[in-house]
């Protein structure tokens, strides 16, 4: 399907939206659990927590919070194991996303990534997927004072791309992504195919649209037309 839209740019969250990164997190957390004499977890259980970050995965696996003395060392161990996994990554673009990126590039519409994933891990992963050199803008927590849902990271991406907020979309799989998009006056698209925790309903988020399948992204963007 050809891309025919008035959108000026498309910004993506990374984990659970543009790229299915769960396989690397699953392996890293289960390796850590086994190393500490614990049972490996069901991959689906881990996947539902991926969008909440590495600290949430430590809490999931070990049943502890950040106030616990061993939390910090376990968090560091998990990040080291995760970095090892993304060096030979099992992560991949979601179905239909390669076609979407190709269509955006052919139409001359810039795209970018705005993520809460630290730059070291984001750039390593994107390099392995041959996406880093293609991506006009990558905004990570390292680049801003405030993380999502604060709009600062989206404002930085828009400034870099020189695009107007009201003609740009942000696609993400977490309520904080939709909150950030609305705080920045972007069109908010919820990726309900992403890593949703049990009981979470994207229809309750402040999203303008819900994308249930990544393959539907071009069709959805084609619906977005503006008067000149």
N, C-alpha and C. Protein backbone atom coordinates (compact mmCIF):
# COMPACT_ATOMS: atom_id res chain seq x y z
N UNK A 1 0.84 -1.19 0.00
CA UNK A 1 0.00 0.00 0.00
C UNK A 1 0.88 1.25 0.00
N UNK A 2 0.54 2.21 -0.87
CA UNK A 2 1.29 3.45 -0.93
C UNK A 2 0.90 4.38 0.21
N UNK A 3 1.84 5.21 0.61
CA UNK A 3 1.59 6.16 1.69
C UNK A 3 1.12 7.48 1.10
N UNK A 4 -0.07 7.93 1.49
CA UNK A 4 -0.65 9.18 1.01
C UNK A 4 -1.25 9.91 2.21
N UNK A 5 -0.45 10.73 2.85
CA UNK A 5 -0.85 11.36 4.10
C UNK A 5 -0.32 12.79 4.17
N UNK A 6 -0.94 13.59 5.04
CA UNK A 6 -0.45 14.96 5.27
C UNK A 6 0.48 15.04 6.47
N UNK A 7 0.75 13.92 7.08
CA UNK A 7 1.63 13.89 8.25
C UNK A 7 3.02 14.40 7.87
N UNK A 8 3.63 15.20 8.74
CA UNK A 8 4.96 15.75 8.47
C UNK A 8 6.08 14.88 9.02
N UNK A 9 5.81 14.15 10.09
CA UNK A 9 6.81 13.22 10.62
C UNK A 9 6.13 12.18 11.49
N UNK A 10 6.80 11.05 11.66
CA UNK A 10 6.30 9.96 12.50
C UNK A 10 7.37 9.62 13.52
N UNK A 11 7.00 9.68 14.78
CA UNK A 11 7.90 9.32 15.87
C UNK A 11 7.42 8.04 16.53
N UNK A 12 8.35 7.18 16.86
CA UNK A 12 8.04 5.89 17.45
C UNK A 12 8.66 5.75 18.83
N UNK A 13 7.94 5.08 19.73
CA UNK A 13 8.59 4.47 20.87
C UNK A 13 9.36 3.28 20.31
N UNK A 14 10.32 2.77 21.07
CA UNK A 14 11.16 1.68 20.56
C UNK A 14 10.64 0.30 20.98
N UNK A 15 10.77 -0.02 22.26
CA UNK A 15 10.38 -1.35 22.75
C UNK A 15 8.87 -1.54 22.69
N UNK A 16 8.43 -2.58 22.01
CA UNK A 16 7.01 -2.90 21.97
C UNK A 16 6.22 -2.09 20.98
N UNK A 17 6.88 -1.24 20.21
CA UNK A 17 6.19 -0.41 19.21
C UNK A 17 6.83 -0.58 17.84
N UNK A 18 8.07 -0.15 17.72
CA UNK A 18 8.80 -0.31 16.46
C UNK A 18 9.47 -1.68 16.40
N UNK A 19 10.08 -2.07 17.50
CA UNK A 19 10.86 -3.31 17.55
C UNK A 19 10.34 -4.21 18.67
N UNK A 20 10.23 -5.49 18.35
CA UNK A 20 9.90 -6.50 19.36
C UNK A 20 11.20 -6.88 20.07
N UNK A 21 11.44 -6.26 21.20
CA UNK A 21 12.69 -6.46 21.94
C UNK A 21 12.55 -7.49 23.06
N UNK A 22 11.37 -8.05 23.22
CA UNK A 22 11.13 -8.97 24.33
C UNK A 22 12.08 -10.17 24.35
N UNK A 23 12.41 -10.79 23.20
CA UNK A 23 13.26 -11.99 23.26
C UNK A 23 14.58 -11.78 23.99
N UNK A 24 15.21 -10.63 23.80
CA UNK A 24 16.48 -10.36 24.48
C UNK A 24 16.28 -10.16 25.98
N UNK A 25 15.21 -9.46 26.35
CA UNK A 25 14.92 -9.26 27.77
C UNK A 25 14.57 -10.58 28.46
N UNK A 26 13.80 -11.41 27.77
CA UNK A 26 13.41 -12.71 28.34
C UNK A 26 14.65 -13.54 28.65
N UNK A 27 15.55 -13.63 27.69
CA UNK A 27 16.74 -14.44 27.90
C UNK A 27 17.62 -13.86 29.00
N UNK A 28 17.80 -12.54 29.00
CA UNK A 28 18.65 -11.90 30.01
C UNK A 28 18.10 -12.11 31.41
N UNK A 29 16.80 -11.88 31.60
CA UNK A 29 16.23 -12.03 32.94
C UNK A 29 16.26 -13.49 33.39
N UNK A 30 15.92 -14.41 32.50
CA UNK A 30 15.93 -15.81 32.90
C UNK A 30 17.34 -16.32 33.19
N UNK A 31 18.33 -15.83 32.46
CA UNK A 31 19.71 -16.18 32.78
C UNK A 31 20.08 -15.69 34.18
N UNK A 32 19.67 -14.46 34.49
CA UNK A 32 19.96 -13.90 35.80
C UNK A 32 19.27 -14.70 36.91
N UNK A 33 18.02 -15.06 36.68
CA UNK A 33 17.29 -15.84 37.67
C UNK A 33 17.96 -17.19 37.94
N UNK A 34 18.33 -17.88 36.87
CA UNK A 34 18.98 -19.18 37.01
C UNK A 34 20.32 -19.05 37.73
N UNK A 35 21.06 -18.01 37.39
CA UNK A 35 22.36 -17.78 38.05
C UNK A 35 22.21 -17.57 39.55
N UNK A 36 21.04 -17.09 39.96
CA UNK A 36 20.80 -16.85 41.38
C UNK A 36 19.93 -17.95 42.00
N UNK A 37 19.86 -19.09 41.32
CA UNK A 37 19.17 -20.25 41.88
C UNK A 37 17.67 -20.18 41.86
N UNK A 38 17.11 -19.36 40.98
CA UNK A 38 15.66 -19.21 40.90
C UNK A 38 15.13 -19.82 39.61
N UNK A 39 13.83 -20.06 39.60
CA UNK A 39 13.17 -20.62 38.43
C UNK A 39 13.04 -19.57 37.33
N UNK A 40 13.26 -20.00 36.09
CA UNK A 40 13.01 -19.11 34.95
C UNK A 40 11.51 -18.83 34.85
N UNK A 41 11.18 -17.66 34.33
CA UNK A 41 9.78 -17.25 34.19
C UNK A 41 9.27 -17.52 32.79
N UNK A 42 7.96 -17.63 32.68
CA UNK A 42 7.31 -17.78 31.38
C UNK A 42 7.62 -16.53 30.54
N UNK A 43 8.05 -16.72 29.29
CA UNK A 43 8.37 -15.57 28.43
C UNK A 43 7.24 -14.56 28.31
N UNK A 44 5.99 -15.03 28.29
CA UNK A 44 4.86 -14.11 28.17
C UNK A 44 4.73 -13.22 29.39
N UNK A 45 5.04 -13.77 30.55
CA UNK A 45 4.98 -12.98 31.79
C UNK A 45 6.03 -11.87 31.74
N UNK A 46 7.22 -12.20 31.27
CA UNK A 46 8.28 -11.20 31.17
C UNK A 46 7.93 -10.15 30.12
N UNK A 47 7.42 -10.60 28.98
CA UNK A 47 7.11 -9.68 27.88
C UNK A 47 6.15 -8.58 28.30
N UNK A 48 5.20 -8.92 29.14
CA UNK A 48 4.20 -7.93 29.56
C UNK A 48 4.79 -6.82 30.42
N UNK A 49 6.02 -7.02 30.89
CA UNK A 49 6.65 -6.03 31.76
C UNK A 49 7.77 -5.26 31.06
N UNK A 50 8.12 -5.66 29.85
CA UNK A 50 9.27 -5.08 29.15
C UNK A 50 9.18 -3.56 29.03
N UNK A 51 8.01 -3.04 28.70
CA UNK A 51 7.88 -1.60 28.49
C UNK A 51 8.08 -0.79 29.76
N UNK A 52 8.05 -1.44 30.91
CA UNK A 52 8.27 -0.74 32.17
C UNK A 52 9.74 -0.66 32.55
N UNK A 53 10.61 -1.30 31.75
CA UNK A 53 12.05 -1.15 31.94
C UNK A 53 12.70 -2.22 32.79
N UNK A 54 14.03 -2.14 32.87
CA UNK A 54 14.84 -3.16 33.54
C UNK A 54 14.56 -3.24 35.04
N UNK A 55 14.31 -2.11 35.67
CA UNK A 55 14.03 -2.13 37.11
C UNK A 55 12.75 -2.91 37.40
N UNK A 56 11.75 -2.73 36.56
CA UNK A 56 10.50 -3.47 36.74
C UNK A 56 10.73 -4.97 36.54
N UNK A 57 11.64 -5.32 35.64
CA UNK A 57 11.95 -6.73 35.41
C UNK A 57 12.64 -7.35 36.62
N UNK A 58 13.52 -6.59 37.26
CA UNK A 58 14.16 -7.09 38.49
C UNK A 58 13.10 -7.33 39.56
N UNK A 59 12.19 -6.39 39.71
CA UNK A 59 11.11 -6.54 40.69
C UNK A 59 10.25 -7.75 40.36
N UNK A 60 9.96 -7.93 39.08
CA UNK A 60 9.16 -9.08 38.65
C UNK A 60 9.86 -10.39 38.99
N UNK A 61 11.12 -10.49 38.64
CA UNK A 61 11.84 -11.74 38.80
C UNK A 61 12.17 -12.10 40.24
N UNK A 62 12.49 -11.08 41.04
CA UNK A 62 12.98 -11.35 42.39
C UNK A 62 12.01 -10.93 43.50
N UNK A 63 10.91 -10.29 43.11
CA UNK A 63 9.91 -9.91 44.10
C UNK A 63 10.40 -8.89 45.11
N UNK A 64 11.28 -7.99 44.67
CA UNK A 64 11.83 -6.96 45.55
C UNK A 64 11.65 -5.59 44.92
N UNK A 65 11.82 -4.54 45.74
CA UNK A 65 11.74 -3.19 45.19
C UNK A 65 13.09 -2.50 45.32
N UNK A 66 13.14 -1.26 44.85
CA UNK A 66 14.41 -0.54 44.78
C UNK A 66 15.02 -0.24 46.15
N UNK A 67 14.23 -0.31 47.19
CA UNK A 67 14.74 -0.04 48.53
C UNK A 67 15.54 -1.21 49.09
N UNK A 68 15.41 -2.37 48.46
CA UNK A 68 16.10 -3.57 48.93
C UNK A 68 17.59 -3.48 48.60
N UNK A 69 18.43 -3.92 49.51
CA UNK A 69 19.88 -3.77 49.36
C UNK A 69 20.41 -4.44 48.10
N UNK A 70 19.86 -5.61 47.77
CA UNK A 70 20.38 -6.35 46.62
C UNK A 70 19.83 -5.87 45.28
N UNK A 71 18.89 -4.92 45.31
CA UNK A 71 18.25 -4.48 44.06
C UNK A 71 19.27 -3.88 43.10
N UNK A 72 20.09 -2.96 43.57
CA UNK A 72 21.05 -2.28 42.70
C UNK A 72 21.99 -3.23 42.00
N UNK A 73 22.65 -4.15 42.73
CA UNK A 73 23.53 -5.11 42.07
C UNK A 73 22.81 -6.00 41.06
N UNK A 74 21.59 -6.43 41.39
CA UNK A 74 20.83 -7.26 40.46
C UNK A 74 20.47 -6.48 39.19
N UNK A 75 20.12 -5.22 39.37
CA UNK A 75 19.80 -4.36 38.23
C UNK A 75 21.01 -4.22 37.32
N UNK A 76 22.18 -4.01 37.90
CA UNK A 76 23.41 -3.89 37.11
C UNK A 76 23.73 -5.19 36.38
N UNK A 77 23.54 -6.32 37.06
CA UNK A 77 23.78 -7.62 36.43
C UNK A 77 22.84 -7.84 35.26
N UNK A 78 21.58 -7.47 35.44
CA UNK A 78 20.60 -7.64 34.36
C UNK A 78 20.98 -6.79 33.15
N UNK A 79 21.37 -5.55 33.38
CA UNK A 79 21.75 -4.68 32.26
C UNK A 79 22.97 -5.23 31.52
N UNK A 80 23.92 -5.79 32.26
CA UNK A 80 25.11 -6.37 31.62
C UNK A 80 24.72 -7.57 30.77
N UNK A 81 23.85 -8.42 31.30
CA UNK A 81 23.38 -9.58 30.53
C UNK A 81 22.58 -9.14 29.31
N UNK A 82 21.76 -8.10 29.48
CA UNK A 82 20.97 -7.60 28.35
C UNK A 82 21.86 -7.06 27.25
N UNK A 83 22.91 -6.33 27.63
CA UNK A 83 23.83 -5.80 26.63
C UNK A 83 24.49 -6.94 25.86
N UNK A 84 24.82 -8.02 26.54
CA UNK A 84 25.38 -9.19 25.86
C UNK A 84 24.38 -9.76 24.86
N UNK A 85 23.12 -9.80 25.23
CA UNK A 85 22.10 -10.37 24.34
C UNK A 85 21.90 -9.52 23.09
N UNK A 86 21.91 -8.20 23.24
CA UNK A 86 21.65 -7.37 22.05
C UNK A 86 22.87 -7.28 21.14
N UNK A 87 24.02 -7.75 21.61
CA UNK A 87 25.17 -7.83 20.70
C UNK A 87 24.91 -8.87 19.61
N UNK A 88 24.12 -9.89 19.93
CA UNK A 88 23.71 -10.91 18.96
C UNK A 88 22.19 -11.01 19.03
N UNK A 89 21.54 -9.91 18.76
CA UNK A 89 20.13 -9.72 19.12
C UNK A 89 19.17 -10.71 18.47
N UNK A 90 18.13 -11.04 19.23
CA UNK A 90 16.99 -11.80 18.73
C UNK A 90 15.81 -10.87 18.47
N UNK A 91 15.99 -9.61 18.76
CA UNK A 91 14.94 -8.62 18.51
C UNK A 91 14.78 -8.38 17.02
N UNK A 92 13.60 -7.90 16.63
CA UNK A 92 13.33 -7.65 15.21
C UNK A 92 12.22 -6.61 15.08
N UNK A 93 12.22 -5.92 13.95
CA UNK A 93 11.11 -5.03 13.64
C UNK A 93 9.80 -5.81 13.64
N UNK A 94 8.75 -5.17 14.13
CA UNK A 94 7.44 -5.80 14.05
C UNK A 94 7.02 -5.96 12.59
N UNK A 95 6.19 -6.96 12.28
CA UNK A 95 5.70 -7.13 10.91
C UNK A 95 5.07 -5.84 10.39
N UNK A 96 5.41 -5.48 9.19
CA UNK A 96 4.86 -4.27 8.58
C UNK A 96 5.65 -3.02 8.84
N UNK A 97 6.53 -3.03 9.82
CA UNK A 97 7.28 -1.81 10.14
C UNK A 97 8.38 -1.51 9.12
N UNK A 98 8.99 -2.53 8.56
CA UNK A 98 9.98 -2.29 7.51
C UNK A 98 9.32 -1.62 6.31
N UNK A 99 8.12 -2.09 5.95
CA UNK A 99 7.38 -1.47 4.84
C UNK A 99 7.01 -0.03 5.17
N UNK A 100 6.62 0.21 6.42
CA UNK A 100 6.27 1.58 6.82
C UNK A 100 7.48 2.50 6.73
N UNK A 101 8.62 2.06 7.24
CA UNK A 101 9.82 2.90 7.18
C UNK A 101 10.22 3.16 5.74
N UNK A 102 10.16 2.13 4.90
CA UNK A 102 10.47 2.30 3.47
C UNK A 102 9.53 3.33 2.85
N UNK A 103 8.24 3.23 3.16
CA UNK A 103 7.25 4.14 2.59
C UNK A 103 7.46 5.57 3.06
N UNK A 104 7.79 5.74 4.33
CA UNK A 104 8.08 7.08 4.85
C UNK A 104 9.28 7.69 4.15
N UNK A 105 10.32 6.90 3.99
CA UNK A 105 11.53 7.40 3.34
C UNK A 105 11.28 7.73 1.88
N UNK A 106 10.50 6.90 1.19
CA UNK A 106 10.19 7.15 -0.22
C UNK A 106 9.35 8.41 -0.38
N UNK A 107 8.49 8.68 0.61
CA UNK A 107 7.63 9.86 0.56
C UNK A 107 8.33 11.12 1.09
N UNK A 108 9.55 10.96 1.58
CA UNK A 108 10.28 12.11 2.12
C UNK A 108 9.77 12.58 3.46
N UNK A 109 9.11 11.68 4.20
CA UNK A 109 8.59 12.02 5.52
C UNK A 109 9.57 11.51 6.58
N UNK A 110 10.17 12.40 7.34
CA UNK A 110 11.15 11.96 8.34
C UNK A 110 10.50 11.16 9.46
N UNK A 111 11.26 10.26 10.03
CA UNK A 111 10.79 9.49 11.18
C UNK A 111 11.89 9.48 12.24
N UNK A 112 11.49 9.16 13.44
CA UNK A 112 12.47 9.12 14.51
C UNK A 112 12.00 8.25 15.65
N UNK A 113 12.87 8.08 16.62
CA UNK A 113 12.59 7.25 17.79
C UNK A 113 12.76 8.09 19.05
N UNK A 114 11.76 8.05 19.90
CA UNK A 114 11.81 8.72 21.20
C UNK A 114 11.54 7.64 22.25
N UNK A 115 12.55 7.33 23.03
CA UNK A 115 12.48 6.17 23.92
C UNK A 115 12.98 6.50 25.32
N UNK A 116 12.53 5.75 26.29
CA UNK A 116 13.08 5.83 27.64
C UNK A 116 14.24 4.85 27.83
N UNK A 117 14.65 4.20 26.74
CA UNK A 117 15.78 3.27 26.79
C UNK A 117 17.09 4.06 26.76
N UNK A 118 18.00 3.83 27.70
CA UNK A 118 19.28 4.56 27.68
C UNK A 118 20.02 4.40 26.36
N UNK A 119 20.75 5.42 25.98
CA UNK A 119 21.37 5.49 24.65
C UNK A 119 22.30 4.31 24.37
N UNK A 120 23.08 3.86 25.35
CA UNK A 120 23.99 2.74 25.12
C UNK A 120 23.25 1.54 24.55
N UNK A 121 22.12 1.21 25.14
CA UNK A 121 21.37 0.02 24.73
C UNK A 121 20.59 0.29 23.44
N UNK A 122 20.05 1.49 23.31
CA UNK A 122 19.30 1.83 22.10
C UNK A 122 20.19 1.83 20.86
N UNK A 123 21.36 2.46 20.96
CA UNK A 123 22.24 2.53 19.78
C UNK A 123 22.82 1.17 19.44
N UNK A 124 23.15 0.38 20.45
CA UNK A 124 23.67 -0.97 20.18
C UNK A 124 22.63 -1.80 19.46
N UNK A 125 21.40 -1.77 19.96
CA UNK A 125 20.32 -2.54 19.33
C UNK A 125 20.06 -2.06 17.92
N UNK A 126 19.91 -0.76 17.73
CA UNK A 126 19.58 -0.22 16.41
C UNK A 126 20.70 -0.47 15.41
N UNK A 127 21.94 -0.46 15.87
CA UNK A 127 23.06 -0.78 14.99
C UNK A 127 22.97 -2.21 14.50
N UNK A 128 22.65 -3.12 15.42
CA UNK A 128 22.55 -4.54 15.05
C UNK A 128 21.41 -4.77 14.06
N UNK A 129 20.38 -3.94 14.13
CA UNK A 129 19.23 -4.07 13.24
C UNK A 129 19.37 -3.21 11.98
N UNK A 130 20.53 -2.59 11.80
CA UNK A 130 20.80 -1.71 10.64
C UNK A 130 19.81 -0.56 10.55
N UNK A 131 19.39 -0.06 11.70
CA UNK A 131 18.44 1.05 11.74
C UNK A 131 19.05 2.36 12.20
N UNK A 132 20.18 2.30 12.88
CA UNK A 132 20.75 3.52 13.46
C UNK A 132 21.11 4.55 12.39
N UNK A 133 21.71 4.10 11.31
CA UNK A 133 22.11 5.02 10.24
C UNK A 133 20.91 5.55 9.45
N UNK A 134 19.79 4.84 9.52
CA UNK A 134 18.58 5.27 8.80
C UNK A 134 17.76 6.28 9.60
N UNK A 135 17.91 6.27 10.90
CA UNK A 135 17.03 7.04 11.79
C UNK A 135 17.50 8.50 11.89
N UNK A 136 16.71 9.45 11.39
CA UNK A 136 17.12 10.85 11.42
C UNK A 136 17.27 11.43 12.83
N UNK A 137 16.51 10.90 13.78
CA UNK A 137 16.63 11.41 15.15
C UNK A 137 16.32 10.30 16.14
N UNK A 138 17.18 10.20 17.14
CA UNK A 138 16.98 9.26 18.25
C UNK A 138 17.13 10.05 19.54
N UNK A 139 16.06 10.09 20.32
CA UNK A 139 16.09 10.80 21.60
C UNK A 139 15.97 9.78 22.73
N UNK A 140 16.94 9.79 23.63
CA UNK A 140 17.01 8.87 24.77
C UNK A 140 16.98 9.68 26.06
N UNK A 141 16.81 9.02 27.20
CA UNK A 141 16.81 9.76 28.47
C UNK A 141 18.09 10.54 28.71
N UNK A 142 19.19 10.06 28.12
CA UNK A 142 20.48 10.74 28.28
C UNK A 142 20.46 12.16 27.70
N UNK A 143 19.51 12.41 26.79
CA UNK A 143 19.49 13.67 26.04
C UNK A 143 18.62 14.75 26.68
N UNK A 144 17.85 14.40 27.70
CA UNK A 144 16.87 15.33 28.26
C UNK A 144 16.94 15.33 29.79
N UNK A 145 16.30 16.32 30.37
CA UNK A 145 16.20 16.39 31.83
C UNK A 145 15.05 15.54 32.35
N UNK A 146 13.96 15.48 31.57
CA UNK A 146 12.75 14.78 32.00
C UNK A 146 12.39 13.69 31.00
N UNK A 147 12.09 12.49 31.50
CA UNK A 147 11.66 11.38 30.65
C UNK A 147 10.15 11.45 30.41
N UNK A 148 9.70 10.66 29.44
CA UNK A 148 8.25 10.52 29.23
C UNK A 148 7.62 10.05 30.54
N UNK A 149 6.44 10.57 30.87
CA UNK A 149 5.47 11.28 30.03
C UNK A 149 5.69 12.78 29.86
N UNK A 150 6.76 13.33 30.42
CA UNK A 150 7.07 14.73 30.15
C UNK A 150 7.33 14.88 28.65
N UNK A 151 6.90 15.97 28.03
CA UNK A 151 7.03 16.12 26.57
C UNK A 151 8.41 16.55 26.09
N UNK A 152 9.38 16.76 26.99
CA UNK A 152 10.66 17.32 26.58
C UNK A 152 11.33 16.52 25.46
N UNK A 153 11.30 15.20 25.54
CA UNK A 153 11.97 14.38 24.53
C UNK A 153 11.30 14.50 23.17
N UNK A 154 9.97 14.64 23.17
CA UNK A 154 9.26 14.83 21.90
C UNK A 154 9.54 16.22 21.33
N UNK A 155 9.60 17.23 22.18
CA UNK A 155 9.95 18.57 21.71
C UNK A 155 11.34 18.58 21.07
N UNK A 156 12.27 17.85 21.66
CA UNK A 156 13.62 17.79 21.10
C UNK A 156 13.62 17.13 19.73
N UNK A 157 12.85 16.06 19.58
CA UNK A 157 12.76 15.38 18.29
C UNK A 157 12.14 16.29 17.24
N UNK A 158 11.06 16.97 17.59
CA UNK A 158 10.40 17.88 16.66
C UNK A 158 11.33 19.02 16.25
N UNK A 159 12.06 19.55 17.20
CA UNK A 159 13.00 20.63 16.89
C UNK A 159 14.09 20.16 15.94
N UNK A 160 14.59 18.96 16.18
CA UNK A 160 15.64 18.41 15.31
C UNK A 160 15.14 18.21 13.90
N UNK A 161 13.90 17.72 13.77
CA UNK A 161 13.32 17.45 12.45
C UNK A 161 12.67 18.68 11.84
N UNK A 162 12.52 19.75 12.63
CA UNK A 162 11.88 20.99 12.19
C UNK A 162 10.46 20.73 11.69
N UNK A 163 9.70 20.03 12.52
CA UNK A 163 8.32 19.68 12.18
C UNK A 163 7.35 20.31 13.18
N UNK A 164 6.12 20.54 12.73
CA UNK A 164 5.08 21.09 13.58
C UNK A 164 4.40 19.96 14.35
N UNK A 165 4.20 20.17 15.63
CA UNK A 165 3.64 19.12 16.49
C UNK A 165 2.28 18.64 16.00
N UNK A 166 1.42 19.58 15.60
CA UNK A 166 0.05 19.21 15.25
C UNK A 166 -0.03 18.37 13.98
N UNK A 167 1.07 18.27 13.23
CA UNK A 167 1.06 17.44 12.02
C UNK A 167 2.00 16.24 12.15
N UNK A 168 2.29 15.90 13.38
CA UNK A 168 3.17 14.75 13.63
C UNK A 168 2.45 13.75 14.53
N UNK A 169 2.85 12.51 14.41
CA UNK A 169 2.26 11.47 15.25
C UNK A 169 3.34 10.83 16.11
N UNK A 170 2.90 10.33 17.25
CA UNK A 170 3.77 9.53 18.10
C UNK A 170 3.06 8.22 18.38
N UNK A 171 3.74 7.12 18.09
CA UNK A 171 3.17 5.79 18.26
C UNK A 171 3.88 5.12 19.44
N UNK A 172 3.11 4.63 20.41
CA UNK A 172 3.71 3.99 21.57
C UNK A 172 2.78 2.96 22.19
N UNK A 173 3.35 2.10 23.03
CA UNK A 173 2.58 1.00 23.60
C UNK A 173 2.35 1.14 25.11
N UNK A 174 2.51 2.35 25.63
CA UNK A 174 2.34 2.56 27.07
C UNK A 174 1.58 3.86 27.30
N UNK A 175 0.84 3.93 28.39
CA UNK A 175 0.06 5.14 28.66
C UNK A 175 0.96 6.37 28.74
N UNK A 176 2.19 6.22 29.23
CA UNK A 176 3.08 7.38 29.32
C UNK A 176 3.42 7.93 27.94
N UNK A 177 3.43 7.06 26.91
CA UNK A 177 3.67 7.52 25.54
C UNK A 177 2.54 8.41 25.07
N UNK A 178 1.30 7.99 25.36
CA UNK A 178 0.14 8.78 24.96
C UNK A 178 0.10 10.09 25.75
N UNK A 179 0.44 10.04 27.02
CA UNK A 179 0.47 11.26 27.83
C UNK A 179 1.53 12.23 27.31
N UNK A 180 2.69 11.70 26.95
CA UNK A 180 3.75 12.56 26.40
C UNK A 180 3.30 13.19 25.09
N UNK A 181 2.66 12.39 24.23
CA UNK A 181 2.19 12.90 22.94
C UNK A 181 1.19 14.03 23.13
N UNK A 182 0.23 13.83 24.01
CA UNK A 182 -0.78 14.87 24.23
C UNK A 182 -0.17 16.10 24.90
N UNK A 183 0.80 15.88 25.79
CA UNK A 183 1.48 17.01 26.43
C UNK A 183 2.27 17.85 25.43
N UNK A 184 2.67 17.21 24.32
CA UNK A 184 3.42 17.91 23.28
C UNK A 184 2.54 18.32 22.10
N UNK A 185 1.23 18.05 22.20
CA UNK A 185 0.26 18.39 21.14
C UNK A 185 0.47 17.58 19.87
N UNK A 186 1.00 16.37 19.98
CA UNK A 186 1.11 15.47 18.83
C UNK A 186 -0.14 14.61 18.73
N UNK A 187 -0.33 14.01 17.57
CA UNK A 187 -1.37 13.00 17.40
C UNK A 187 -0.88 11.72 18.07
N UNK A 188 -1.66 11.19 18.99
CA UNK A 188 -1.24 10.04 19.80
C UNK A 188 -1.86 8.76 19.27
N UNK A 189 -1.01 7.80 18.90
CA UNK A 189 -1.47 6.51 18.40
C UNK A 189 -0.97 5.42 19.34
N UNK A 190 -1.91 4.69 19.93
CA UNK A 190 -1.57 3.62 20.87
C UNK A 190 -1.35 2.32 20.12
N UNK A 191 -0.20 1.70 20.36
CA UNK A 191 0.12 0.40 19.75
C UNK A 191 -0.36 -0.69 20.69
N UNK A 192 -1.58 -1.16 20.48
CA UNK A 192 -2.15 -2.15 21.39
C UNK A 192 -1.58 -3.54 21.15
N UNK A 193 -0.75 -3.70 20.11
CA UNK A 193 -0.08 -4.97 19.87
C UNK A 193 1.18 -5.11 20.72
N UNK A 194 1.53 -4.06 21.46
CA UNK A 194 2.78 -4.05 22.22
C UNK A 194 2.70 -4.81 23.52
N UNK A 195 3.54 -4.42 24.47
CA UNK A 195 3.68 -5.16 25.72
C UNK A 195 2.72 -4.62 26.77
N UNK A 196 1.49 -5.09 26.73
CA UNK A 196 0.48 -4.61 27.66
C UNK A 196 0.38 -5.53 28.87
N UNK A 197 0.40 -4.95 30.05
CA UNK A 197 0.23 -5.73 31.27
C UNK A 197 -1.21 -6.22 31.37
N UNK A 198 -1.43 -7.26 32.15
CA UNK A 198 -2.78 -7.79 32.35
C UNK A 198 -3.71 -6.70 32.86
N UNK A 199 -4.89 -6.64 32.27
CA UNK A 199 -5.90 -5.68 32.71
C UNK A 199 -5.76 -4.29 32.13
N UNK A 200 -4.73 -4.06 31.34
CA UNK A 200 -4.52 -2.74 30.74
C UNK A 200 -5.35 -2.62 29.47
N UNK A 201 -6.11 -1.54 29.35
CA UNK A 201 -6.96 -1.29 28.18
C UNK A 201 -6.55 0.03 27.52
N UNK A 202 -5.91 -0.03 26.35
CA UNK A 202 -5.49 1.21 25.66
C UNK A 202 -6.64 2.16 25.36
N UNK A 203 -7.88 1.63 25.33
CA UNK A 203 -9.03 2.51 25.10
C UNK A 203 -9.19 3.52 26.23
N UNK A 204 -8.58 3.25 27.37
CA UNK A 204 -8.66 4.16 28.51
C UNK A 204 -7.52 5.19 28.50
N UNK A 205 -6.61 5.05 27.55
CA UNK A 205 -5.50 6.00 27.45
C UNK A 205 -5.94 7.25 26.68
N UNK A 206 -5.21 8.35 26.79
CA UNK A 206 -5.54 9.56 26.02
C UNK A 206 -5.03 9.49 24.58
N UNK A 207 -5.41 8.43 23.89
CA UNK A 207 -4.96 8.20 22.51
C UNK A 207 -5.99 8.70 21.51
N UNK A 208 -5.51 9.22 20.39
CA UNK A 208 -6.41 9.63 19.31
C UNK A 208 -6.84 8.44 18.47
N UNK A 209 -5.94 7.48 18.33
CA UNK A 209 -6.21 6.27 17.56
C UNK A 209 -5.56 5.09 18.25
N UNK A 210 -6.10 3.89 17.97
CA UNK A 210 -5.51 2.66 18.49
C UNK A 210 -5.12 1.78 17.30
N UNK A 211 -3.87 1.36 17.28
CA UNK A 211 -3.34 0.52 16.21
C UNK A 211 -3.23 -0.90 16.77
N UNK A 212 -4.13 -1.78 16.33
CA UNK A 212 -4.15 -3.13 16.91
C UNK A 212 -3.17 -4.07 16.24
N UNK A 213 -2.78 -3.77 15.01
CA UNK A 213 -1.80 -4.59 14.29
C UNK A 213 -0.79 -3.66 13.62
N UNK A 214 0.50 -3.94 13.73
CA UNK A 214 1.49 -3.05 13.12
C UNK A 214 1.36 -2.97 11.60
N UNK A 215 0.82 -4.03 11.00
CA UNK A 215 0.65 -4.03 9.54
C UNK A 215 -0.38 -3.00 9.07
N UNK A 216 -1.20 -2.48 10.00
CA UNK A 216 -2.24 -1.52 9.66
C UNK A 216 -1.74 -0.07 9.70
N UNK A 217 -0.47 0.12 9.98
CA UNK A 217 0.04 1.47 10.23
C UNK A 217 -0.08 2.38 9.01
N UNK A 218 0.24 1.88 7.82
CA UNK A 218 0.16 2.72 6.62
C UNK A 218 -1.28 3.13 6.36
N UNK A 219 -2.21 2.18 6.48
CA UNK A 219 -3.62 2.48 6.25
C UNK A 219 -4.11 3.54 7.23
N UNK A 220 -3.67 3.46 8.48
CA UNK A 220 -4.08 4.46 9.47
C UNK A 220 -3.50 5.83 9.13
N UNK A 221 -2.23 5.89 8.80
CA UNK A 221 -1.61 7.18 8.48
C UNK A 221 -2.26 7.81 7.25
N UNK A 222 -2.71 6.98 6.31
CA UNK A 222 -3.37 7.50 5.11
C UNK A 222 -4.70 8.18 5.42
N UNK A 223 -5.25 7.90 6.58
CA UNK A 223 -6.50 8.55 6.98
C UNK A 223 -6.27 9.98 7.47
N UNK A 224 -5.03 10.29 7.77
CA UNK A 224 -4.72 11.59 8.38
C UNK A 224 -4.40 12.62 7.31
N UNK A 225 -5.38 13.45 7.02
CA UNK A 225 -5.24 14.50 6.01
C UNK A 225 -5.60 15.84 6.65
N UNK A 226 -4.92 16.89 6.25
CA UNK A 226 -5.14 18.22 6.82
C UNK A 226 -5.37 19.22 5.69
N UNK A 227 -6.16 20.22 5.99
CA UNK A 227 -6.32 21.32 5.05
C UNK A 227 -5.05 22.16 5.04
N UNK A 228 -4.66 22.61 3.87
CA UNK A 228 -3.45 23.45 3.77
C UNK A 228 -3.73 24.84 4.34
